[in-house]
Every structure is written in structure tokens, then in C-alpha cells.
Amino acid sequence: MAGARKTLVLGLGNVIMGDEGVGVHVVRALERYTLPEGVECLDGGTGGFVLLEPLENAGRIVIIDAAADDNPPGTVTRTTPRFSRDYPPTLTAHDIGVKDLLDAFYMRGGNREVVLYAISIGPFQPIAMSLSEPCAQAVNEATRRIVRELRETCCDVAFAGGCAARA
């Protein structure tokens, strides 16, 4: 399938830093679904400029990441960031932040709309592989919202088991 039609769903986060890894947990939850043709899920982990190539090869981009904003932990916010002021603050437990990654994407000529699902987390995260209860519930909410959005913008999404997540 031509890259211009592919939708990339990219989950970011450090899974050993508790709620900071929530984006990866959402991508893993999406693995329980058979997603429409042309949707690729990617566990982006702690990021890095190695993620530029998948971004550049996508026609549509959905990113899920933790946000250290003023919202209560577990709040799911959908935005379409384009300017620095549009990015929620993060704990920057990634190699580079989502803002830096998207800034590099736009500087290299990326002109696709990017949808960002930001999930609010607390300012201090323990070293833990599990999520707090509010963020575990946010994984379910974000997964439902993303599946619904993909269903509306692509074709039908059926429950089964299918998005090809990779590290």
C-alpha cells in the first residue's frame, strides 16, 4: 500500500517509568483489534530520531504520549499540534520529546496532520512497569476513542488481534 494512504499509530513512552509509558500501553491494547488495512501500529518506546522515517512514510499520523500538564492523571486529550504552544508538557523521559520529533518532521518537509492523544500523568513517576489506576482507565478510554476514530476515517475495525506492534 502506498505510504501516502497509510495511517501510523505511534505509542511513545518509557514503560519502566510507570505512567510515563502510557502511550506504549495504548498501542499494546490496540493489538487486540484487527485494524483497517493501511493502519500500522508502532511501539515507539522512548523515541529518537529513528522514528522520523515511519512518520515520513505515513499519510496520516496518530501519536499517543504522556503529558505532565495541569489536568488530573488519566485525562485523555485529543489535539492536532502544529506549533510549540500546542504541545502539552512532558516529563521528557524519552530520548527526545514528542515536540522535538514533530519539529524535526515538519522541518524535513512533513506536512501531514498529526493527531496527538495526550494522557495526563502526575509529575513524579516511580520506577515501575505498571500503570496507576487512573492511567490504566485512560488506556481503555484512549483505545476506544482511537478505534472509533480509525473506524470513522478508515474502514471497519473488528475485534480479533492484529496490529503489528514492534519495538
C-alpha atoms as a PDB file:
ATOM      1  CA  MET A   1       0.000   0.000   0.000  1.00  0.00           C
ATOM      2  CA  ALA A   2       1.315   3.441  -0.837  1.00  0.00           C
ATOM      3  CA  GLY A   3       2.756   5.311   2.137  1.00  0.00           C
ATOM      4  CA  ALA A   4       0.576   8.315   1.386  1.00  0.00           C
ATOM      5  CA  ARG A   5      -2.504   6.316   2.392  1.00  0.00           C
ATOM      6  CA  LYS A   6      -1.060   4.567   5.457  1.00  0.00           C
ATOM      7  CA  THR A   7      -2.121   5.626   8.952  1.00  0.00           C
ATOM      8  CA  LEU A   8       0.624   5.316  11.561  1.00  0.00           C
ATOM      9  CA  VAL A   9      -0.461   4.910  15.193  1.00  0.00           C
ATOM     10  CA  LEU A  10       2.637   5.621  17.292  1.00  0.00           C
ATOM     11  CA  GLY A  11       2.743   4.980  21.041  1.00  0.00           C
ATOM     12  CA  LEU A  12       5.546   6.701  22.945  1.00  0.00           C
ATOM     13  CA  GLY A  13       6.771   6.219  26.482  1.00  0.00           C
ATOM     14  CA  ASN A  14       9.198   4.619  28.866  1.00  0.00           C
ATOM     15  CA  VAL A  15       7.432   1.546  30.262  1.00  0.00           C
ATOM     16  CA  ILE A  16       9.780   1.254  33.250  1.00  0.00           C
ATOM     17  CA  MET A  17       8.741   4.734  34.449  1.00  0.00           C
ATOM     18  CA  GLY A  18       5.167   3.934  35.486  1.00  0.00           C
ATOM     19  CA  ASP A  19       2.562   6.161  33.859  1.00  0.00           C
ATOM     20  CA  GLU A  20       5.173   7.769  31.586  1.00  0.00           C
ATOM     21  CA  GLY A  21       4.895   4.622  29.429  1.00  0.00           C
ATOM     22  CA  VAL A  22       1.145   5.014  28.873  1.00  0.00           C
ATOM     23  CA  GLY A  23       1.470   5.588  25.098  1.00  0.00           C
ATOM     24  CA  VAL A  24       3.105   2.199  24.656  1.00  0.00           C
ATOM     25  CA  HIS A  25       0.379   0.592  26.782  1.00  0.00           C
ATOM     26  CA  VAL A  26      -2.272   2.058  24.444  1.00  0.00           C
ATOM     27  CA  VAL A  27      -0.523   0.626  21.361  1.00  0.00           C
ATOM     28  CA  ARG A  28      -0.365  -2.748  23.096  1.00  0.00           C
ATOM     29  CA  ALA A  29      -4.109  -2.524  23.857  1.00  0.00           C
ATOM     30  CA  LEU A  30      -4.758  -1.781  20.182  1.00  0.00           C
ATOM     31  CA  GLU A  31      -3.100  -5.127  19.353  1.00  0.00           C
ATOM     32  CA  ARG A  32      -6.362  -6.838  20.406  1.00  0.00           C
ATOM     33  CA  TYR A  33      -8.079  -5.311  17.378  1.00  0.00           C
ATOM     34  CA  THR A  34      -7.942  -6.084  13.709  1.00  0.00           C
ATOM     35  CA  LEU A  35      -7.456  -2.607  12.358  1.00  0.00           C
ATOM     36  CA  PRO A  36      -8.332  -1.418   8.867  1.00  0.00           C
ATOM     37  CA  GLU A  37      -5.975  -2.126   6.008  1.00  0.00           C
ATOM     38  CA  GLY A  38      -3.300   0.517   5.890  1.00  0.00           C
ATOM     39  CA  VAL A  39      -3.163   1.118   9.657  1.00  0.00           C
ATOM     40  CA  GLU A  40       0.195   0.359  11.237  1.00  0.00           C
ATOM     41  CA  CYS A  41       0.768   0.426  14.988  1.00  0.00           C
ATOM     42  CA  LEU A  42       4.267   1.105  16.230  1.00  0.00           C
ATOM     43  CA  ASP A  43       5.637   0.866  19.757  1.00  0.00           C
ATOM     44  CA  GLY A  44       7.966   3.863  19.586  1.00  0.00           C
ATOM     45  CA  GLY A  45       9.298   3.323  23.095  1.00  0.00           C
ATOM     46  CA  THR A  46      11.441   6.229  24.206  1.00  0.00           C
ATOM     47  CA  GLY A  47      11.570   7.635  20.717  1.00  0.00           C
ATOM     48  CA  GLY A  48      14.513   9.119  18.982  1.00  0.00           C
ATOM     49  CA  PHE A  49      15.069  10.433  15.519  1.00  0.00           C
ATOM     50  CA  VAL A  50      14.845   6.851  14.207  1.00  0.00           C
ATOM     51  CA  LEU A  51      11.069   7.456  14.302  1.00  0.00           C
ATOM     52  CA  LEU A  52      11.324  10.119  11.585  1.00  0.00           C
ATOM     53  CA  GLU A  53      11.268   7.540   8.797  1.00  0.00           C
ATOM     54  CA  PRO A  54       7.964   5.922   9.863  1.00  0.00           C
ATOM     55  CA  LEU A  55       6.461   9.407  10.277  1.00  0.00           C
ATOM     56  CA  GLU A  56       7.637  10.451   6.822  1.00  0.00           C
ATOM     57  CA  ASN A  57       6.237   7.270   5.260  1.00  0.00           C
ATOM     58  CA  ALA A  58       2.758   7.762   6.726  1.00  0.00           C
ATOM     59  CA  GLY A  59      -0.103   9.628   5.136  1.00  0.00           C
ATOM     60  CA  ARG A  60      -1.814  10.140   8.487  1.00  0.00           C
ATOM     61  CA  ILE A  61      -0.293  10.090  11.972  1.00  0.00           C
ATOM     62  CA  VAL A  62      -1.804   9.387  15.392  1.00  0.00           C
ATOM     63  CA  ILE A  63       0.573   9.698  18.369  1.00  0.00           C
ATOM     64  CA  ILE A  64      -0.143   8.669  21.952  1.00  0.00           C
ATOM     65  CA  ASP A  65       2.074  10.062  24.725  1.00  0.00           C
ATOM     66  CA  ALA A  66       2.046  11.043  28.381  1.00  0.00           C
ATOM     67  CA  ALA A  67       1.618  14.694  29.335  1.00  0.00           C
ATOM     68  CA  ALA A  68       2.733  16.368  32.562  1.00  0.00           C
ATOM     69  CA  ASP A  69       0.095  19.077  32.335  1.00  0.00           C
ATOM     70  CA  ASP A  70      -2.281  20.531  34.915  1.00  0.00           C
ATOM     71  CA  ASN A  71      -5.048  18.020  34.223  1.00  0.00           C
ATOM     72  CA  PRO A  72      -5.823  15.209  36.678  1.00  0.00           C
ATOM     73  CA  PRO A  73      -3.893  11.981  35.980  1.00  0.00           C
ATOM     74  CA  GLY A  74      -5.729   9.856  33.454  1.00  0.00           C
ATOM     75  CA  THR A  75      -7.229  12.762  31.494  1.00  0.00           C
ATOM     76  CA  VAL A  76      -7.228  11.949  27.758  1.00  0.00           C
ATOM     77  CA  THR A  77      -6.919  14.957  25.466  1.00  0.00           C
ATOM     78  CA  ARG A  78      -7.003  14.872  21.666  1.00  0.00           C
ATOM     79  CA  THR A  79      -5.177  17.701  19.889  1.00  0.00           C
ATOM     80  CA  THR A  80      -3.695  18.444  16.489  1.00  0.00           C
ATOM     81  CA  PRO A  81      -0.425  20.170  17.443  1.00  0.00           C
ATOM     82  CA  ARG A  82       1.272  22.315  14.842  1.00  0.00           C
ATOM     83  CA  PHE A  83       3.108  24.991  16.828  1.00  0.00           C
ATOM     84  CA  SER A  84       5.218  24.846  20.000  1.00  0.00           C
ATOM     85  CA  ARG A  85       2.382  26.230  22.125  1.00  0.00           C
ATOM     86  CA  ASP A  86       0.180  23.311  21.007  1.00  0.00           C
ATOM     87  CA  TYR A  87       2.307  20.634  22.668  1.00  0.00           C
ATOM     88  CA  PRO A  88       1.499  19.576  26.221  1.00  0.00           C
ATOM     89  CA  PRO A  89       4.442  19.478  28.644  1.00  0.00           C
ATOM     90  CA  THR A  90       6.075  16.084  29.157  1.00  0.00           C
ATOM     91  CA  LEU A  91       8.461  14.534  31.653  1.00  0.00           C
ATOM     92  CA  THR A  92      10.975  14.061  28.797  1.00  0.00           C
ATOM     93  CA  ALA A  93      11.819  10.503  29.780  1.00  0.00           C
ATOM     94  CA  HIS A  94      12.291   9.866  26.062  1.00  0.00           C
ATOM     95  CA  ASP A  95      15.495  10.158  24.045  1.00  0.00           C
ATOM     96  CA  ILE A  96      13.822  13.206  22.514  1.00  0.00           C
ATOM     97  CA  GLY A  97      10.428  14.683  23.302  1.00  0.00           C
ATOM     98  CA  VAL A  98       7.405  14.396  21.019  1.00  0.00           C
ATOM     99  CA  LYS A  99       7.694  18.137  20.329  1.00  0.00           C
ATOM    100  CA  ASP A 100      11.295  17.736  19.151  1.00  0.00           C
ATOM    101  CA  LEU A 101      10.381  14.741  16.994  1.00  0.00           C
ATOM    102  CA  LEU A 102       7.486  16.545  15.326  1.00  0.00           C
ATOM    103  CA  ASP A 103       9.510  19.750  14.899  1.00  0.00           C
ATOM    104  CA  ALA A 104      12.147  17.715  13.025  1.00  0.00           C
ATOM    105  CA  PHE A 105       9.382  16.050  10.983  1.00  0.00           C
ATOM    106  CA  TYR A 106       7.954  19.430   9.921  1.00  0.00           C
ATOM    107  CA  MET A 107      11.417  20.894   9.220  1.00  0.00           C
ATOM    108  CA  ARG A 108      12.125  17.973   6.886  1.00  0.00           C
ATOM    109  CA  GLY A 109       9.018  18.784   4.878  1.00  0.00           C
ATOM    110  CA  GLY A 110       6.389  16.738   6.707  1.00  0.00           C
ATOM    111  CA  ASN A 111       3.034  18.314   6.069  1.00  0.00           C
ATOM    112  CA  ARG A 112       0.581  15.670   7.255  1.00  0.00           C
ATOM    113  CA  GLU A 113      -1.867  16.383  10.017  1.00  0.00           C
ATOM    114  CA  VAL A 114      -0.746  14.842  13.278  1.00  0.00           C
ATOM    115  CA  VAL A 115      -3.305  13.821  15.882  1.00  0.00           C
ATOM    116  CA  LEU A 116      -1.927  13.649  19.422  1.00  0.00           C
ATOM    117  CA  TYR A 117      -3.680  11.781  22.193  1.00  0.00           C
ATOM    118  CA  ALA A 118      -2.064  13.123  25.365  1.00  0.00           C
ATOM    119  CA  ILE A 119      -2.733  11.283  28.609  1.00  0.00           C
ATOM    120  CA  SER A 120      -2.116  13.331  31.743  1.00  0.00           C
ATOM    121  CA  ILE A 121       0.188  11.856  34.371  1.00  0.00           C
ATOM    122  CA  GLY A 122       1.490  13.021  37.729  1.00  0.00           C
ATOM    123  CA  PRO A 123       4.776  14.936  37.953  1.00  0.00           C
ATOM    124  CA  PHE A 124       6.687  12.186  39.777  1.00  0.00           C
ATOM    125  CA  GLN A 125       6.832   8.658  38.401  1.00  0.00           C
ATOM    126  CA  PRO A 126       8.222   5.620  40.198  1.00  0.00           C
ATOM    127  CA  ILE A 127      10.334   3.016  38.500  1.00  0.00           C
ATOM    128  CA  ALA A 128       7.556   0.528  37.800  1.00  0.00           C
ATOM    129  CA  MET A 129       6.223  -1.444  34.857  1.00  0.00           C
ATOM    130  CA  SER A 130       2.592  -0.983  35.921  1.00  0.00           C
ATOM    131  CA  LEU A 131       0.228   1.939  35.494  1.00  0.00           C
ATOM    132  CA  SER A 132      -1.694   3.793  38.179  1.00  0.00           C
ATOM    133  CA  GLU A 133      -5.441   3.124  38.232  1.00  0.00           C
ATOM    134  CA  PRO A 134      -6.306   6.474  36.536  1.00  0.00           C
ATOM    135  CA  CYS A 135      -3.848   5.784  33.711  1.00  0.00           C
ATOM    136  CA  ALA A 136      -4.982   2.170  33.331  1.00  0.00           C
ATOM    137  CA  GLN A 137      -8.518   3.507  32.849  1.00  0.00           C
ATOM    138  CA  ALA A 138      -7.159   6.129  30.425  1.00  0.00           C
ATOM    139  CA  VAL A 139      -5.631   3.329  28.318  1.00  0.00           C
ATOM    140  CA  ASN A 140      -9.120   1.881  27.885  1.00  0.00           C
ATOM    141  CA  GLU A 141     -10.629   5.274  27.065  1.00  0.00           C
ATOM    142  CA  ALA A 142      -7.883   6.243  24.604  1.00  0.00           C
ATOM    143  CA  THR A 143      -8.069   2.829  22.922  1.00  0.00           C
ATOM    144  CA  ARG A 144     -11.842   3.156  22.452  1.00  0.00           C
ATOM    145  CA  ARG A 145     -11.503   6.690  21.089  1.00  0.00           C
ATOM    146  CA  ILE A 146      -8.701   5.765  18.677  1.00  0.00           C
ATOM    147  CA  VAL A 147     -10.544   2.691  17.398  1.00  0.00           C
ATOM    148  CA  ARG A 148     -13.660   4.839  16.879  1.00  0.00           C
ATOM    149  CA  GLU A 149     -11.609   7.478  15.034  1.00  0.00           C
ATOM    150  CA  LEU A 150      -9.972   4.866  12.812  1.00  0.00           C
ATOM    151  CA  ARG A 151     -13.382   3.334  12.119  1.00  0.00           C
ATOM    152  CA  GLU A 152     -14.708   6.739  11.053  1.00  0.00           C
ATOM    153  CA  THR A 153     -11.709   7.632   8.894  1.00  0.00           C
ATOM    154  CA  CYS A 154     -10.752   4.222   7.522  1.00  0.00           C
ATOM    155  CA  CYS A 155     -12.910   1.123   7.221  1.00  0.00           C
ATOM    156  CA  ASP A 156     -14.494  -1.056   9.877  1.00  0.00           C
ATOM    157  CA  VAL A 157     -12.426  -2.231  12.827  1.00  0.00           C
ATOM    158  CA  ALA A 158     -13.185  -5.711  14.091  1.00  0.00           C
ATOM    159  CA  PHE A 159     -12.097  -7.175  17.419  1.00  0.00           C
ATOM    160  CA  ALA A 160      -9.639 -10.012  16.895  1.00  0.00           C
ATOM    161  CA  GLY A 161      -5.938  -9.431  17.150  1.00  0.00           C
ATOM    162  CA  GLY A 162      -3.904  -7.745  14.588  1.00  0.00           C
ATOM    163  CA  CYS A 163      -1.964  -4.556  14.678  1.00  0.00           C
ATOM    164  CA  ALA A 164       1.690  -5.209  14.082  1.00  0.00           C
ATOM    165  CA  ALA A 165       3.358  -3.536  17.058  1.00  0.00           C
ATOM    166  CA  ARG A 166       7.101  -3.664  17.217  1.00  0.00           C
ATOM    167  CA  ALA A 167       9.791  -2.194  19.360  1.00  0.00           C
END
